[in-house]
Amino acid sequence: MSNVHFASAKLSALKVAASLPAKFKRMLAEYPLKEMFEGKSVAIKMHLGFILGYTTIPPLFVKILGEAIREAGGKPFVTDATMAIATASDRGYTAEVLGMPVVGAGGMNEKYFRQRSNGFPIHDRGPACGRDSARRCDDCV
């Protein structure tokens, strides 16, 4: 059984330490991140929204997560479907804001992007992203 960690968004005081980002940092400190990520490329799979999509995790929290992974010795990057990357900057998801690359799931230069049959009679072909299982993730970024 997995443990679920929770941090209330409710402020107990008007102090930085009582804010949700500060609570998130403290929660991350409870995890063995070095053991999990040291020396590894770490994909942070996001829903970055698409065109007018806005139900996303605020970039500040993604940046905090990336910093924690980097401090643990990992090489984080944010990823989502290749088509969502084009408008991700509209919602603040840029390498400058996040402090890490934002890469489409098709990889750099979309070398892991292909059209694939999906079995739907009306729209039989659709995009598929992801690396070949024989390749290492380091090849993706």
N, C-alpha and C. Protein backbone atom coordinates (compact mmCIF):
# COMPACT_ATOMS: atom_id res chain seq x y z
N MET A 1 0.84 -1.16 0.00
CA MET A 1 0.00 0.00 0.00
C MET A 1 0.90 1.24 0.00
N SER A 2 0.53 2.22 -0.78
CA SER A 2 1.29 3.47 -0.87
C SER A 2 0.80 4.49 0.13
N ASN A 3 1.71 5.32 0.58
CA ASN A 3 1.34 6.45 1.44
C ASN A 3 0.95 7.62 0.56
N VAL A 4 -0.07 8.34 0.95
CA VAL A 4 -0.49 9.54 0.25
C VAL A 4 -0.16 10.72 1.16
N HIS A 5 0.59 11.68 0.62
CA HIS A 5 0.95 12.86 1.39
C HIS A 5 0.00 14.00 1.00
N PHE A 6 -0.35 14.82 1.96
CA PHE A 6 -1.30 15.89 1.73
C PHE A 6 -0.82 17.16 2.42
N ALA A 7 -0.98 18.27 1.73
CA ALA A 7 -0.68 19.57 2.32
C ALA A 7 -1.88 20.47 2.06
N SER A 8 -2.49 20.95 3.10
CA SER A 8 -3.65 21.81 2.96
C SER A 8 -3.26 23.16 2.36
N ALA A 9 -4.10 23.65 1.46
CA ALA A 9 -3.87 24.97 0.87
C ALA A 9 -4.28 26.09 1.82
N LYS A 10 -4.94 25.73 2.90
CA LYS A 10 -5.39 26.72 3.87
C LYS A 10 -4.20 27.31 4.62
N LEU A 11 -4.15 28.64 4.69
CA LEU A 11 -3.09 29.32 5.42
C LEU A 11 -3.40 29.32 6.91
N SER A 12 -2.43 28.91 7.71
CA SER A 12 -2.61 28.97 9.16
C SER A 12 -2.11 30.30 9.70
N ALA A 13 -1.29 31.00 8.90
CA ALA A 13 -0.76 32.31 9.27
C ALA A 13 -0.30 33.02 8.00
N LEU A 14 -0.21 34.34 8.04
CA LEU A 14 0.26 35.09 6.88
C LEU A 14 1.78 35.12 6.88
N LYS A 15 2.37 33.95 6.68
CA LYS A 15 3.81 33.78 6.67
C LYS A 15 4.19 32.90 5.49
N VAL A 16 5.36 33.15 4.93
CA VAL A 16 5.84 32.33 3.80
C VAL A 16 5.87 30.86 4.19
N ALA A 17 6.31 30.55 5.38
CA ALA A 17 6.42 29.16 5.83
C ALA A 17 5.07 28.44 5.88
N ALA A 18 3.97 29.20 5.93
CA ALA A 18 2.63 28.61 5.98
C ALA A 18 2.00 28.47 4.60
N SER A 19 2.72 28.92 3.57
CA SER A 19 2.17 28.88 2.20
C SER A 19 2.22 27.47 1.62
N LEU A 20 1.40 27.23 0.62
CA LEU A 20 1.36 25.92 -0.02
C LEU A 20 2.71 25.57 -0.69
N PRO A 21 3.39 26.51 -1.38
CA PRO A 21 4.70 26.16 -1.92
C PRO A 21 5.70 25.74 -0.84
N ALA A 22 5.68 26.40 0.32
CA ALA A 22 6.58 26.02 1.41
C ALA A 22 6.21 24.64 1.95
N LYS A 23 4.93 24.37 2.05
CA LYS A 23 4.49 23.04 2.51
C LYS A 23 4.92 21.98 1.51
N PHE A 24 4.84 22.29 0.21
CA PHE A 24 5.26 21.35 -0.83
C PHE A 24 6.75 21.05 -0.70
N LYS A 25 7.57 22.07 -0.47
CA LYS A 25 9.01 21.86 -0.28
C LYS A 25 9.28 20.94 0.91
N ARG A 26 8.58 21.17 2.00
CA ARG A 26 8.77 20.32 3.19
C ARG A 26 8.34 18.89 2.90
N MET A 27 7.26 18.73 2.14
CA MET A 27 6.78 17.40 1.80
C MET A 27 7.80 16.66 0.93
N LEU A 28 8.39 17.38 -0.05
CA LEU A 28 9.40 16.76 -0.91
C LEU A 28 10.63 16.32 -0.11
N ALA A 29 10.95 17.07 0.93
CA ALA A 29 12.12 16.75 1.75
C ALA A 29 11.96 15.41 2.48
N GLU A 30 10.73 14.92 2.59
CA GLU A 30 10.47 13.63 3.25
C GLU A 30 10.79 12.44 2.36
N TYR A 31 10.95 12.66 1.07
CA TYR A 31 11.19 11.57 0.12
C TYR A 31 12.69 11.33 -0.08
N PRO A 32 13.10 10.09 -0.34
CA PRO A 32 14.51 9.79 -0.60
C PRO A 32 14.87 10.12 -2.07
N LEU A 33 14.83 11.40 -2.41
CA LEU A 33 15.01 11.81 -3.81
C LEU A 33 16.38 11.44 -4.37
N LYS A 34 17.41 11.55 -3.56
CA LYS A 34 18.76 11.20 -4.03
C LYS A 34 18.79 9.72 -4.45
N GLU A 35 18.23 8.88 -3.62
CA GLU A 35 18.17 7.45 -3.91
C GLU A 35 17.36 7.18 -5.19
N MET A 36 16.34 7.96 -5.40
CA MET A 36 15.44 7.76 -6.54
C MET A 36 16.00 8.31 -7.85
N PHE A 37 16.70 9.47 -7.80
CA PHE A 37 16.99 10.20 -9.03
C PHE A 37 18.46 10.48 -9.33
N GLU A 38 19.37 10.22 -8.42
CA GLU A 38 20.77 10.60 -8.63
C GLU A 38 21.32 9.98 -9.92
N GLY A 39 21.87 10.86 -10.78
CA GLY A 39 22.49 10.42 -12.02
C GLY A 39 21.52 10.04 -13.13
N LYS A 40 20.24 10.30 -12.94
CA LYS A 40 19.23 9.89 -13.93
C LYS A 40 18.58 11.10 -14.59
N SER A 41 18.18 10.92 -15.84
CA SER A 41 17.29 11.87 -16.49
C SER A 41 15.89 11.60 -15.95
N VAL A 42 15.20 12.66 -15.53
CA VAL A 42 13.90 12.49 -14.88
C VAL A 42 12.84 13.27 -15.65
N ALA A 43 11.92 12.55 -16.26
CA ALA A 43 10.81 13.18 -16.98
C ALA A 43 9.71 13.54 -15.98
N ILE A 44 9.31 14.79 -16.00
CA ILE A 44 8.16 15.24 -15.21
C ILE A 44 7.03 15.39 -16.21
N LYS A 45 6.18 14.36 -16.29
CA LYS A 45 5.09 14.36 -17.26
C LYS A 45 3.99 15.27 -16.75
N MET A 46 3.66 16.27 -17.55
CA MET A 46 2.68 17.28 -17.18
C MET A 46 1.51 17.27 -18.15
N HIS A 47 0.44 17.90 -17.72
CA HIS A 47 -0.60 18.35 -18.64
C HIS A 47 -0.35 19.84 -18.75
N LEU A 48 0.19 20.28 -19.88
CA LEU A 48 0.55 21.68 -20.06
C LEU A 48 -0.59 22.50 -20.64
N GLY A 49 -1.73 21.88 -20.84
CA GLY A 49 -2.83 22.59 -21.49
C GLY A 49 -2.59 22.57 -22.99
N PHE A 50 -3.56 22.93 -23.74
CA PHE A 50 -3.42 22.96 -25.19
C PHE A 50 -4.33 24.05 -25.71
N ILE A 51 -3.80 24.95 -26.46
CA ILE A 51 -4.49 26.12 -27.00
C ILE A 51 -5.06 26.94 -25.83
N LEU A 52 -6.33 26.71 -25.45
CA LEU A 52 -6.92 27.50 -24.36
C LEU A 52 -7.04 26.72 -23.05
N GLY A 53 -6.41 25.55 -22.98
CA GLY A 53 -6.46 24.77 -21.74
C GLY A 53 -5.79 25.50 -20.60
N TYR A 54 -6.37 25.48 -19.44
CA TYR A 54 -5.82 26.22 -18.30
C TYR A 54 -5.82 25.42 -17.00
N THR A 55 -6.33 24.21 -17.00
CA THR A 55 -6.36 23.42 -15.77
C THR A 55 -5.03 22.68 -15.64
N THR A 56 -4.01 23.42 -15.25
CA THR A 56 -2.67 22.89 -15.12
C THR A 56 -2.13 23.18 -13.73
N ILE A 57 -1.05 22.51 -13.37
CA ILE A 57 -0.37 22.79 -12.10
C ILE A 57 0.41 24.08 -12.28
N PRO A 58 0.32 25.03 -11.36
CA PRO A 58 1.06 26.29 -11.51
C PRO A 58 2.56 26.03 -11.68
N PRO A 59 3.20 26.78 -12.58
CA PRO A 59 4.62 26.57 -12.86
C PRO A 59 5.52 26.63 -11.62
N LEU A 60 5.16 27.42 -10.61
CA LEU A 60 5.98 27.51 -9.40
C LEU A 60 6.19 26.13 -8.76
N PHE A 61 5.14 25.32 -8.70
CA PHE A 61 5.24 24.00 -8.08
C PHE A 61 6.11 23.06 -8.91
N VAL A 62 6.03 23.19 -10.22
CA VAL A 62 6.86 22.37 -11.11
C VAL A 62 8.33 22.77 -10.94
N LYS A 63 8.57 24.08 -10.83
CA LYS A 63 9.93 24.56 -10.61
C LYS A 63 10.49 24.02 -9.29
N ILE A 64 9.70 24.05 -8.23
CA ILE A 64 10.13 23.54 -6.93
C ILE A 64 10.48 22.06 -7.03
N LEU A 65 9.65 21.29 -7.73
CA LEU A 65 9.92 19.86 -7.92
C LEU A 65 11.22 19.66 -8.70
N GLY A 66 11.40 20.41 -9.78
CA GLY A 66 12.62 20.30 -10.57
C GLY A 66 13.86 20.64 -9.77
N GLU A 67 13.78 21.68 -8.94
CA GLU A 67 14.92 22.06 -8.09
C GLU A 67 15.26 20.94 -7.11
N ALA A 68 14.25 20.32 -6.54
CA ALA A 68 14.48 19.22 -5.59
C ALA A 68 15.14 18.03 -6.29
N ILE A 69 14.69 17.73 -7.49
CA ILE A 69 15.29 16.61 -8.25
C ILE A 69 16.73 16.93 -8.62
N ARG A 70 16.98 18.17 -9.04
CA ARG A 70 18.34 18.58 -9.40
C ARG A 70 19.26 18.55 -8.18
N GLU A 71 18.78 19.02 -7.03
CA GLU A 71 19.57 18.98 -5.80
C GLU A 71 19.90 17.55 -5.38
N ALA A 72 19.04 16.60 -5.78
CA ALA A 72 19.26 15.18 -5.48
C ALA A 72 20.18 14.52 -6.51
N GLY A 73 20.64 15.30 -7.48
CA GLY A 73 21.56 14.76 -8.48
C GLY A 73 20.91 14.29 -9.76
N GLY A 74 19.62 14.56 -9.93
CA GLY A 74 18.92 14.18 -11.15
C GLY A 74 18.95 15.28 -12.20
N LYS A 75 18.57 14.92 -13.42
CA LYS A 75 18.49 15.88 -14.53
C LYS A 75 17.03 15.96 -14.98
N PRO A 76 16.24 16.85 -14.35
CA PRO A 76 14.81 16.90 -14.66
C PRO A 76 14.52 17.63 -15.97
N PHE A 77 13.43 17.24 -16.59
CA PHE A 77 12.86 17.97 -17.72
C PHE A 77 11.37 17.75 -17.72
N VAL A 78 10.64 18.71 -18.23
CA VAL A 78 9.18 18.64 -18.30
C VAL A 78 8.80 18.12 -19.68
N THR A 79 7.79 17.27 -19.71
CA THR A 79 7.34 16.73 -20.99
C THR A 79 5.82 16.61 -21.03
N ASP A 80 5.29 16.72 -22.22
CA ASP A 80 3.87 16.50 -22.50
C ASP A 80 3.78 16.14 -23.97
N ALA A 81 2.58 15.91 -24.46
CA ALA A 81 2.39 15.60 -25.87
C ALA A 81 3.03 16.69 -26.72
N THR A 82 3.65 16.30 -27.79
CA THR A 82 4.38 17.22 -28.66
C THR A 82 3.54 18.42 -29.05
N MET A 83 2.26 18.22 -29.34
CA MET A 83 1.41 19.33 -29.79
C MET A 83 1.10 20.33 -28.70
N ALA A 84 1.27 19.96 -27.43
CA ALA A 84 1.00 20.89 -26.32
C ALA A 84 2.18 21.82 -26.05
N ILE A 85 3.35 21.48 -26.52
CA ILE A 85 4.55 22.27 -26.25
C ILE A 85 4.47 23.65 -26.90
N ALA A 86 3.87 23.72 -28.07
CA ALA A 86 3.82 24.99 -28.81
C ALA A 86 3.13 26.11 -28.04
N THR A 87 2.13 25.78 -27.23
CA THR A 87 1.40 26.81 -26.49
C THR A 87 1.68 26.78 -24.99
N ALA A 88 2.63 25.95 -24.56
CA ALA A 88 2.94 25.84 -23.12
C ALA A 88 3.42 27.17 -22.55
N SER A 89 4.12 27.95 -23.35
CA SER A 89 4.64 29.23 -22.84
C SER A 89 3.51 30.21 -22.52
N ASP A 90 2.34 30.03 -23.13
CA ASP A 90 1.20 30.90 -22.83
C ASP A 90 0.77 30.78 -21.36
N ARG A 91 1.10 29.65 -20.74
CA ARG A 91 0.74 29.41 -19.34
C ARG A 91 1.96 29.44 -18.41
N GLY A 92 3.10 29.92 -18.94
CA GLY A 92 4.28 30.09 -18.10
C GLY A 92 5.22 28.91 -18.06
N TYR A 93 4.98 27.90 -18.88
CA TYR A 93 5.85 26.72 -18.90
C TYR A 93 6.96 26.93 -19.92
N THR A 94 8.03 27.58 -19.47
CA THR A 94 9.21 27.79 -20.30
C THR A 94 10.43 27.32 -19.52
N ALA A 95 11.51 27.05 -20.24
CA ALA A 95 12.75 26.63 -19.58
C ALA A 95 13.24 27.73 -18.65
N GLU A 96 13.03 28.99 -19.02
CA GLU A 96 13.49 30.11 -18.19
C GLU A 96 12.72 30.16 -16.86
N VAL A 97 11.43 29.94 -16.89
CA VAL A 97 10.61 29.98 -15.68
C VAL A 97 10.85 28.73 -14.82
N LEU A 98 10.88 27.57 -15.46
CA LEU A 98 10.97 26.31 -14.73
C LEU A 98 12.38 25.93 -14.33
N GLY A 99 13.37 26.46 -15.02
CA GLY A 99 14.75 26.10 -14.73
C GLY A 99 15.15 24.74 -15.26
N MET A 100 14.42 24.24 -16.24
CA MET A 100 14.72 22.94 -16.86
C MET A 100 14.09 22.92 -18.24
N PRO A 101 14.56 22.05 -19.12
CA PRO A 101 14.00 21.99 -20.47
C PRO A 101 12.53 21.54 -20.48
N VAL A 102 11.80 22.02 -21.49
CA VAL A 102 10.43 21.58 -21.76
C VAL A 102 10.50 20.88 -23.11
N VAL A 103 10.27 19.57 -23.11
CA VAL A 103 10.49 18.74 -24.29
C VAL A 103 9.21 17.97 -24.63
N GLY A 104 8.83 17.97 -25.88
CA GLY A 104 7.69 17.17 -26.31
C GLY A 104 7.97 15.70 -26.11
N ALA A 105 6.93 14.91 -25.87
CA ALA A 105 7.10 13.48 -25.64
C ALA A 105 7.68 12.78 -26.86
N GLY A 106 7.65 13.45 -28.00
CA GLY A 106 8.28 12.90 -29.20
C GLY A 106 9.78 13.05 -29.19
N GLY A 107 10.32 13.73 -28.16
CA GLY A 107 11.76 13.91 -28.04
C GLY A 107 12.26 15.09 -28.84
N MET A 108 13.53 15.39 -28.67
CA MET A 108 14.14 16.46 -29.46
C MET A 108 14.03 16.09 -30.93
N ASN A 109 13.69 17.06 -31.74
CA ASN A 109 13.50 16.86 -33.18
C ASN A 109 12.43 15.82 -33.49
N GLU A 110 11.57 15.55 -32.51
CA GLU A 110 10.43 14.61 -32.66
C GLU A 110 10.83 13.25 -33.20
N LYS A 111 12.00 12.76 -32.80
CA LYS A 111 12.42 11.46 -33.33
C LYS A 111 11.62 10.30 -32.73
N TYR A 112 10.81 10.56 -31.68
CA TYR A 112 9.95 9.52 -31.11
C TYR A 112 8.47 9.82 -31.35
N PHE A 113 8.17 10.55 -32.41
CA PHE A 113 6.79 10.90 -32.76
C PHE A 113 6.43 10.14 -34.03
N ARG A 114 5.27 9.52 -34.04
CA ARG A 114 4.82 8.80 -35.24
C ARG A 114 3.30 8.75 -35.28
N GLN A 115 2.77 8.55 -36.45
CA GLN A 115 1.33 8.33 -36.61
C GLN A 115 1.08 6.84 -36.40
N ARG A 116 -0.03 6.53 -35.77
CA ARG A 116 -0.31 5.14 -35.42
C ARG A 116 -1.80 4.86 -35.51
N SER A 117 -2.15 3.66 -35.91
CA SER A 117 -3.54 3.25 -35.96
C SER A 117 -4.06 3.13 -34.53
N ASN A 118 -5.25 3.67 -34.29
CA ASN A 118 -5.80 3.60 -32.94
C ASN A 118 -7.07 2.76 -32.86
N GLY A 119 -7.53 2.23 -33.99
CA GLY A 119 -8.67 1.33 -33.98
C GLY A 119 -10.03 2.00 -34.00
N PHE A 120 -10.09 3.33 -34.09
CA PHE A 120 -11.37 4.02 -34.16
C PHE A 120 -11.77 4.16 -35.63
N PRO A 121 -12.96 3.73 -36.00
CA PRO A 121 -13.35 3.77 -37.41
C PRO A 121 -13.45 5.19 -37.99
N ILE A 122 -13.84 6.17 -37.19
CA ILE A 122 -14.01 7.52 -37.70
C ILE A 122 -12.67 8.22 -37.89
N HIS A 123 -11.77 7.98 -36.97
CA HIS A 123 -10.46 8.64 -37.01
C HIS A 123 -9.42 7.57 -36.69
N ASP A 124 -9.03 6.81 -37.72
CA ASP A 124 -8.22 5.61 -37.51
C ASP A 124 -6.76 5.88 -37.15
N ARG A 125 -6.23 7.03 -37.53
CA ARG A 125 -4.82 7.29 -37.25
C ARG A 125 -4.68 8.50 -36.33
N GLY A 126 -3.73 8.40 -35.41
CA GLY A 126 -3.49 9.51 -34.50
C GLY A 126 -2.03 9.54 -34.09
N PRO A 127 -1.64 10.63 -33.44
CA PRO A 127 -0.24 10.75 -33.04
C PRO A 127 0.09 9.86 -31.85
N ALA A 128 1.29 9.33 -31.85
CA ALA A 128 1.80 8.56 -30.73
C ALA A 128 3.19 9.09 -30.41
N CYS A 129 3.45 9.30 -29.15
CA CYS A 129 4.76 9.80 -28.72
C CYS A 129 5.36 8.82 -27.73
N GLY A 130 6.66 8.81 -27.67
CA GLY A 130 7.35 7.98 -26.69
C GLY A 130 8.56 7.34 -27.31
N ARG A 131 9.45 6.95 -26.46
CA ARG A 131 10.69 6.38 -26.97
C ARG A 131 10.53 4.89 -27.21
N ASP A 132 11.35 4.39 -28.08
CA ASP A 132 11.42 2.96 -28.34
C ASP A 132 11.93 2.30 -27.07
N SER A 133 11.32 1.21 -26.65
CA SER A 133 11.70 0.60 -25.38
C SER A 133 13.15 0.11 -25.38
N ALA A 134 13.77 -0.04 -26.53
CA ALA A 134 15.15 -0.48 -26.59
C ALA A 134 16.13 0.66 -26.35
N ARG A 135 15.64 1.92 -26.36
CA ARG A 135 16.53 3.07 -26.18
C ARG A 135 16.48 3.56 -24.75
N ARG A 136 17.54 4.20 -24.32
CA ARG A 136 17.58 4.78 -22.98
C ARG A 136 16.95 6.16 -22.99
N CYS A 137 16.44 6.59 -21.86
CA CYS A 137 15.80 7.90 -21.76
C CYS A 137 16.79 9.04 -22.04
N ASP A 138 18.09 8.83 -21.79
CA ASP A 138 19.09 9.86 -22.05
C ASP A 138 19.07 10.27 -23.54
N ASP A 139 18.60 9.37 -24.40
CA ASP A 139 18.52 9.68 -25.83
C ASP A 139 17.39 10.65 -26.12
N CYS A 140 16.44 10.79 -25.17
CA CYS A 140 15.26 11.63 -25.41
C CYS A 140 15.55 13.11 -25.26
N VAL A 141 16.49 13.46 -24.43
CA VAL A 141 16.74 14.89 -24.19
C VAL A 141 18.18 15.26 -24.48
